[in-house]
Amino acid sequence: MFKNNITKNILLTLALLACGYVVAQLFNYSILSDDNNEHIGTEYMDKYNVYAIQIPNQLQFAEEEVPLDRWDVKESLDRELLVNTYWQSQTLLFLKRANRYFPIIEPILKKENVPDDFKYLALIESGLIPTVVSPAGAVGVWQFMAPTAKDYKLEVNKEIDERYNIEKSTYAACKYLKDSYEKFGSWSLVAASYNAGRSHILSQMKLQDAGNYYDLLLGEESARYMFRIVAAKLIMENPQNFGFKFRECDLYPNIPTRKLKIKTGIKDFALFAKENGVNYKLLKFFNPWLRKPYLTNKYKKEYEITLPAKGYINFAFSEYKTSQEKKN
């Protein structure tokens, strides 16, 4: 028994020494001596670099020239390019979401004769998050306030809020943008007025005797707004030029969907979802405009509920790509 105790003590001592050695090595890796400062500083400077962004010589927004020969315009664009290039996580999320939602927005812009570049306005407004709500109460991808949404025939009440419906809100946004173009005759001023308000832009144009967006002195948010849109356009059209590297399978897929038309109320959306082969979470993901777990539909209106196409409820993007290739 005595010998056993000695053996146990020896083993325990060796184990403690081994642990101490490991901890010491880890400590040495995390906290280096002053002798290593010069080496670490040199290695850091060699491996970590931040580059200035090259500004293009020419640039258009909605087929209107951006006057990059002006130093104030060039510096404003430079700021937004730097912010979006080096806020890598946000811009990478923009690129991922755009792959899902631009295919919904682009055909509607084209159909409504609104320049394609306005999809970047939606991106800057909401980050392409369909359920986003601003502190001021603006809702959805296009960030409509409730009164404006109602003016443009979107239904907004306790049970239905079509500001969350990407397709319907995009049609409404197109009508709003075209109405603004009739007032301003310039897509740049239309974009600025989407942020600052039509009346404010008109009053500032009159006060400052200015005929275009680039001559206007505006508050910081409105002054940056157009340049944020244009910077997003530049980066997202050529992401590799700004250091963004990704595979197609890294992007969020535009999931095939099916439409269900309903003209009655629905007492329980959880039950309705199960009956149609999905769960409540997916039902709400594709239809965030349904604001309650039920629908009264007192006036028997016809609504279209969007669900993932059969066979596309759960799938990897690579599987979807393969299935598309087989169809072609």
Protein backbone atom coordinates (compact mmCIF):
# COMPACT_ATOMS: atom_id res chain seq x y z
CA MET A 1 0.00 0.00 0.00
CA PHE A 2 2.86 2.39 0.84
CA LYS A 3 4.55 1.60 -2.48
CA ASN A 4 1.28 2.19 -4.28
CA ASN A 5 1.01 5.63 -2.68
CA ILE A 6 4.57 6.50 -3.81
CA THR A 7 3.76 5.38 -7.34
CA LYS A 8 0.57 7.46 -7.33
CA ASN A 9 2.45 10.53 -6.07
CA ILE A 10 5.11 10.15 -8.76
CA LEU A 11 2.50 9.83 -11.50
CA LEU A 12 0.56 12.81 -10.15
CA THR A 13 3.75 14.91 -10.05
CA LEU A 14 4.62 13.97 -13.64
CA ALA A 15 1.08 14.79 -14.78
CA LEU A 16 1.21 18.22 -13.10
CA LEU A 17 4.60 18.95 -14.67
CA ALA A 18 3.28 17.98 -18.09
CA CYS A 19 0.25 20.25 -17.68
CA GLY A 20 2.48 23.06 -16.53
CA TYR A 21 4.68 22.66 -19.60
CA VAL A 22 1.68 22.80 -21.95
CA VAL A 23 0.27 25.90 -20.24
CA ALA A 24 3.69 27.58 -20.36
CA GLN A 25 3.96 26.90 -24.10
CA LEU A 26 0.48 28.26 -24.74
CA PHE A 27 1.28 31.31 -22.64
CA ASN A 28 4.44 31.87 -24.63
CA TYR A 29 2.47 31.79 -27.86
CA SER A 30 -0.07 34.34 -26.64
CA ILE A 31 2.25 36.72 -24.81
CA LEU A 32 5.60 37.18 -26.51
CA SER A 33 8.67 38.68 -24.98
CA ASP A 34 9.88 42.13 -25.90
CA ASP A 35 12.63 40.51 -27.99
CA ASN A 36 9.98 39.44 -30.52
CA ASN A 37 8.36 42.87 -30.95
CA GLU A 38 10.40 43.87 -33.98
CA HIS A 39 9.81 40.53 -35.70
CA ILE A 40 6.06 40.60 -35.05
CA GLY A 41 5.77 44.22 -36.21
CA THR A 42 7.56 43.42 -39.46
CA GLU A 43 5.47 40.31 -40.10
CA TYR A 44 2.26 42.21 -39.40
CA MET A 45 3.15 45.00 -41.82
CA ASP A 46 4.10 42.45 -44.50
CA LYS A 47 0.88 40.48 -44.27
CA TYR A 48 -1.76 43.09 -43.46
CA ASN A 49 -2.47 45.73 -46.08
CA VAL A 50 -5.28 48.23 -46.63
CA TYR A 51 -5.52 49.64 -50.12
CA ALA A 52 -6.98 52.85 -51.46
CA ILE A 53 -9.86 52.23 -53.90
CA GLN A 54 -9.43 53.07 -57.56
CA ILE A 55 -12.18 55.42 -58.74
CA PRO A 56 -13.39 54.82 -62.31
CA ASN A 57 -13.01 57.57 -64.89
CA GLN A 58 -16.63 57.29 -65.97
CA LEU A 59 -19.76 56.14 -64.20
CA GLN A 60 -23.50 56.28 -64.84
CA PHE A 61 -26.55 55.90 -62.68
CA ALA A 62 -29.74 55.07 -64.58
CA GLU A 63 -27.99 56.16 -67.79
CA GLU A 64 -27.24 59.58 -66.28
CA GLU A 65 -23.61 60.60 -66.03
CA VAL A 66 -22.06 60.90 -62.57
CA PRO A 67 -19.72 63.95 -62.82
CA LEU A 68 -16.52 62.33 -61.55
CA ASP A 69 -14.45 65.20 -62.93
CA ARG A 70 -15.60 67.16 -59.85
CA TRP A 71 -13.45 66.68 -56.76
CA ASP A 72 -16.41 66.84 -54.35
CA VAL A 73 -18.28 64.14 -56.26
CA LYS A 74 -15.21 61.94 -56.53
CA GLU A 75 -14.44 62.20 -52.81
CA SER A 76 -18.06 61.44 -51.88
CA LEU A 77 -17.97 58.29 -53.98
CA ASP A 78 -14.56 57.36 -52.56
CA ARG A 79 -15.95 57.45 -49.03
CA GLU A 80 -18.78 55.04 -49.81
CA LEU A 81 -16.54 52.69 -51.78
CA LEU A 82 -14.16 52.50 -48.82
CA VAL A 83 -16.98 51.93 -46.33
CA ASN A 84 -18.58 49.15 -48.38
CA THR A 85 -15.32 47.51 -49.43
CA TYR A 86 -13.92 47.29 -45.91
CA TRP A 87 -17.21 46.52 -44.18
CA GLN A 88 -16.72 43.10 -45.72
CA SER A 89 -19.32 41.14 -43.76
CA GLN A 90 -22.16 43.48 -44.69
CA THR A 91 -21.24 43.69 -48.37
CA LEU A 92 -20.80 39.93 -48.62
CA LEU A 93 -24.29 39.53 -47.17
CA PHE A 94 -25.55 42.01 -49.79
CA LEU A 95 -24.04 39.83 -52.51
CA LYS A 96 -25.55 36.66 -51.04
CA ARG A 97 -29.05 38.13 -50.64
CA ALA A 98 -28.99 39.81 -54.05
CA ASN A 99 -28.72 36.39 -55.67
CA ARG A 100 -32.09 35.51 -54.10
CA TYR A 101 -34.02 38.75 -54.39
CA PHE A 102 -32.72 40.60 -57.47
CA PRO A 103 -34.33 37.97 -59.77
CA ILE A 104 -37.67 38.98 -58.22
CA ILE A 105 -37.08 42.74 -58.42
CA GLU A 106 -35.36 43.04 -61.81
CA PRO A 107 -38.24 41.79 -64.05
CA ILE A 108 -40.68 44.15 -62.33
CA LEU A 109 -38.41 47.16 -62.82
CA LYS A 110 -38.06 46.22 -66.48
CA LYS A 111 -41.80 45.70 -66.94
CA GLU A 112 -42.54 49.07 -65.32
CA ASN A 113 -39.83 50.91 -67.33
CA VAL A 114 -37.84 51.89 -64.25
CA PRO A 115 -34.04 51.80 -64.63
CA ASP A 116 -32.49 48.56 -63.39
CA ASP A 117 -30.08 50.53 -61.17
CA PHE A 118 -32.92 51.17 -58.73
CA LYS A 119 -32.52 47.64 -57.42
CA TYR A 120 -29.47 49.07 -55.61
CA LEU A 121 -31.70 51.66 -53.98
CA ALA A 122 -33.75 48.81 -52.50
CA LEU A 123 -30.53 47.20 -51.30
CA ILE A 124 -29.35 50.40 -49.58
CA GLU A 125 -32.79 50.99 -48.08
CA SER A 126 -33.19 47.59 -46.47
CA GLY A 127 -30.15 45.39 -47.05
CA LEU A 128 -32.64 43.21 -48.96
CA ILE A 129 -34.17 42.00 -45.71
CA PRO A 130 -37.92 41.68 -46.42
CA THR A 131 -38.93 41.92 -42.76
CA VAL A 132 -36.81 44.91 -41.77
CA VAL A 133 -38.51 47.76 -39.91
CA SER A 134 -36.81 51.14 -39.47
CA PRO A 135 -36.95 53.13 -36.20
CA ALA A 136 -39.32 55.52 -37.99
CA GLY A 137 -41.68 52.67 -38.90
CA ALA A 138 -40.73 52.20 -42.55
CA VAL A 139 -41.21 48.58 -43.55
CA GLY A 140 -39.97 46.06 -46.07
CA VAL A 141 -37.41 45.96 -48.86
CA TRP A 142 -38.51 49.35 -50.18
CA GLN A 143 -39.05 50.87 -46.72
CA PHE A 144 -42.54 52.27 -47.21
CA MET A 145 -44.21 54.28 -44.48
CA ALA A 146 -47.83 53.24 -43.95
CA PRO A 147 -49.53 56.38 -45.40
CA THR A 148 -47.41 56.26 -48.58
CA ALA A 149 -48.00 52.53 -48.94
CA LYS A 150 -51.77 53.07 -48.77
CA ASP A 151 -51.53 55.90 -51.31
CA TYR A 152 -49.94 53.39 -53.68
CA LYS A 153 -52.62 50.74 -53.14
CA LEU A 154 -50.78 48.49 -50.71
CA GLU A 155 -53.00 46.94 -48.05
CA VAL A 156 -51.83 47.78 -44.54
CA ASN A 157 -53.76 46.64 -41.47
CA LYS A 158 -53.40 44.38 -38.46
CA GLU A 159 -53.70 41.15 -40.46
CA ILE A 160 -52.22 42.12 -43.83
CA ASP A 161 -49.24 44.37 -44.54
CA GLU A 162 -48.23 44.27 -48.19
CA ARG A 163 -45.16 46.38 -47.54
CA TYR A 164 -43.61 43.02 -46.60
CA ASN A 165 -44.62 41.54 -49.96
CA ILE A 166 -41.58 41.96 -52.24
CA GLU A 167 -43.48 41.69 -55.51
CA LYS A 168 -46.35 44.02 -54.61
CA SER A 169 -44.12 46.54 -52.85
CA THR A 170 -41.80 46.62 -55.88
CA TYR A 171 -44.73 47.46 -58.15
CA ALA A 172 -45.74 50.20 -55.73
CA ALA A 173 -42.17 51.50 -55.58
CA CYS A 174 -42.06 51.65 -59.39
CA LYS A 175 -45.21 53.79 -59.46
CA TYR A 176 -43.75 56.05 -56.78
CA LEU A 177 -40.45 56.42 -58.65
CA LYS A 178 -42.16 57.19 -61.95
CA ASP A 179 -44.34 59.82 -60.26
CA SER A 180 -41.17 61.39 -58.87
CA TYR A 181 -39.54 61.36 -62.30
CA GLU A 182 -42.48 63.35 -63.67
CA LYS A 183 -41.68 66.02 -61.07
CA PHE A 184 -37.88 66.07 -61.35
CA GLY A 185 -36.98 64.78 -64.82
CA SER A 186 -33.80 63.30 -63.34
CA TRP A 187 -33.32 59.82 -61.90
CA SER A 188 -30.60 61.08 -59.56
CA LEU A 189 -33.02 63.58 -58.03
CA VAL A 190 -35.66 60.82 -57.90
CA ALA A 191 -33.28 58.66 -55.83
CA ALA A 192 -32.39 61.57 -53.54
CA SER A 193 -36.07 62.40 -53.02
CA TYR A 194 -36.78 58.78 -52.07
CA ASN A 195 -34.59 59.39 -49.04
CA ALA A 196 -35.18 63.06 -48.26
CA GLY A 197 -38.74 63.45 -49.52
CA ARG A 198 -40.00 65.12 -52.67
CA SER A 199 -41.03 68.38 -51.02
CA HIS A 200 -37.67 68.78 -49.26
CA ILE A 201 -35.69 68.27 -52.47
CA LEU A 202 -37.94 70.68 -54.37
CA SER A 203 -37.63 73.32 -51.66
CA GLN A 204 -33.84 72.96 -51.51
CA MET A 205 -33.55 73.20 -55.29
CA LYS A 206 -35.50 76.45 -55.17
CA LEU A 207 -33.61 77.82 -52.15
CA GLN A 208 -30.19 76.98 -53.59
CA ASP A 209 -31.08 77.73 -57.22
CA ALA A 210 -29.76 74.26 -58.08
CA GLY A 211 -30.85 72.22 -61.08
CA ASN A 212 -29.33 68.83 -60.30
CA TYR A 213 -28.52 66.52 -57.41
CA TYR A 214 -24.76 67.08 -57.49
CA ASP A 215 -25.12 70.83 -56.94
CA LEU A 216 -27.35 70.44 -53.89
CA LEU A 217 -26.16 70.94 -50.31
CA LEU A 218 -28.09 68.40 -48.24
CA GLY A 219 -27.91 66.88 -44.78
CA GLU A 220 -25.32 64.15 -44.36
CA GLU A 221 -27.67 61.19 -44.81
CA SER A 222 -29.26 62.55 -47.99
CA ALA A 223 -25.92 63.81 -49.31
CA ARG A 224 -24.43 60.32 -48.95
CA TYR A 225 -27.50 58.46 -50.20
CA MET A 226 -26.91 58.55 -53.96
CA PHE A 227 -23.23 57.73 -53.52
CA ARG A 228 -24.08 54.72 -51.35
CA ILE A 229 -26.29 53.43 -54.17
CA VAL A 230 -23.63 54.02 -56.83
CA ALA A 231 -20.91 52.44 -54.67
CA ALA A 232 -23.09 49.36 -54.18
CA LYS A 233 -23.60 49.17 -57.94
CA LEU A 234 -19.86 49.36 -58.64
CA ILE A 235 -18.94 46.69 -56.09
CA MET A 236 -21.76 44.29 -56.86
CA GLU A 237 -21.28 44.44 -60.63
CA ASN A 238 -17.58 43.56 -60.27
CA PRO A 239 -17.02 42.20 -56.74
CA GLN A 240 -13.71 40.58 -57.62
CA ASN A 241 -12.27 44.04 -58.35
CA PHE A 242 -12.84 44.90 -54.70
CA GLY A 243 -11.41 41.72 -53.21
CA PHE A 244 -14.61 39.73 -52.74
CA LYS A 245 -14.15 36.07 -53.56
CA PHE A 246 -16.92 33.50 -53.37
CA ARG A 247 -18.34 30.49 -55.17
CA GLU A 248 -21.78 30.34 -56.70
CA CYS A 249 -22.78 27.83 -54.04
CA ASP A 250 -21.94 30.42 -51.34
CA LEU A 251 -24.79 32.67 -52.52
CA TYR A 252 -28.34 32.34 -51.23
CA PRO A 253 -30.43 30.52 -53.87
CA ASN A 254 -33.56 31.98 -55.41
CA ILE A 255 -35.86 29.18 -54.33
CA PRO A 256 -38.52 28.03 -56.84
CA THR A 257 -42.01 28.71 -55.54
CA ARG A 258 -45.66 27.91 -56.16
CA LYS A 259 -48.72 30.13 -55.59
CA LEU A 260 -51.91 29.21 -53.76
CA LYS A 261 -54.94 31.44 -54.33
CA ILE A 262 -57.34 31.81 -51.44
CA LYS A 263 -60.63 33.70 -51.16
CA THR A 264 -61.66 32.64 -47.68
CA GLY A 265 -60.44 33.15 -44.16
CA ILE A 266 -57.93 30.82 -42.57
CA LYS A 267 -58.41 30.03 -38.90
CA ASP A 268 -54.99 28.49 -38.24
CA PHE A 269 -51.95 29.10 -40.44
CA ALA A 270 -49.97 26.41 -38.61
CA LEU A 271 -52.54 23.82 -39.67
CA PHE A 272 -52.80 25.35 -43.15
CA ALA A 273 -49.02 25.06 -43.53
CA LYS A 274 -48.97 21.39 -42.56
CA GLU A 275 -51.81 20.63 -44.95
CA ASN A 276 -49.70 22.13 -47.75
CA GLY A 277 -46.48 20.29 -46.95
CA VAL A 278 -44.58 23.02 -45.10
CA ASN A 279 -44.24 24.28 -41.55
CA TYR A 280 -45.42 27.57 -40.03
CA LYS A 281 -41.90 29.00 -40.12
CA LEU A 282 -41.55 28.48 -43.88
CA LEU A 283 -45.04 29.80 -44.52
CA LYS A 284 -44.14 33.04 -42.74
CA PHE A 285 -40.71 33.22 -44.39
CA PHE A 286 -42.28 33.29 -47.85
CA ASN A 287 -45.27 35.39 -46.74
CA PRO A 288 -44.17 37.89 -44.09
CA TRP A 289 -47.07 40.11 -45.20
CA LEU A 290 -49.38 37.75 -43.28
CA ARG A 291 -49.09 39.44 -39.89
CA LYS A 292 -51.23 37.14 -37.74
CA PRO A 293 -51.45 33.35 -37.24
CA TYR A 294 -54.88 33.56 -38.90
CA LEU A 295 -56.68 35.47 -41.65
CA THR A 296 -60.21 36.76 -41.24
CA ASN A 297 -60.70 37.91 -44.86
CA LYS A 298 -64.06 39.45 -44.05
CA TYR A 299 -64.59 40.77 -47.59
CA LYS A 300 -63.50 37.54 -49.35
CA LYS A 301 -60.60 39.15 -51.20
CA GLU A 302 -58.34 36.97 -53.30
CA TYR A 303 -54.81 36.58 -51.95
CA GLU A 304 -51.84 34.66 -53.31
CA ILE A 305 -49.84 32.70 -50.77
CA THR A 306 -46.31 31.78 -51.83
CA LEU A 307 -44.84 28.41 -50.87
CA PRO A 308 -41.65 26.64 -51.95
CA ALA A 309 -42.20 24.45 -54.99
CA LYS A 310 -42.65 20.78 -54.21
CA GLY A 311 -39.27 19.14 -53.82
CA TYR A 312 -37.57 22.44 -52.87
CA ILE A 313 -38.48 22.70 -49.21
CA ASN A 314 -35.06 21.58 -48.00
CA PHE A 315 -32.19 21.37 -50.46
CA ALA A 316 -28.58 22.35 -50.91
CA PHE A 317 -27.81 24.88 -53.61
CA SER A 318 -25.51 22.40 -55.32
CA GLU A 319 -28.45 19.97 -55.56
CA TYR A 320 -30.66 22.68 -57.05
CA LYS A 321 -27.96 23.58 -59.57
CA THR A 322 -27.58 19.94 -60.58
CA SER A 323 -31.34 19.55 -61.02
CA GLN A 324 -31.45 22.65 -63.24
CA GLU A 325 -28.59 21.34 -65.36
CA LYS A 326 -30.44 18.05 -65.86
CA LYS A 327 -33.57 19.93 -66.97
CA ASN A 328 -31.55 21.90 -69.53
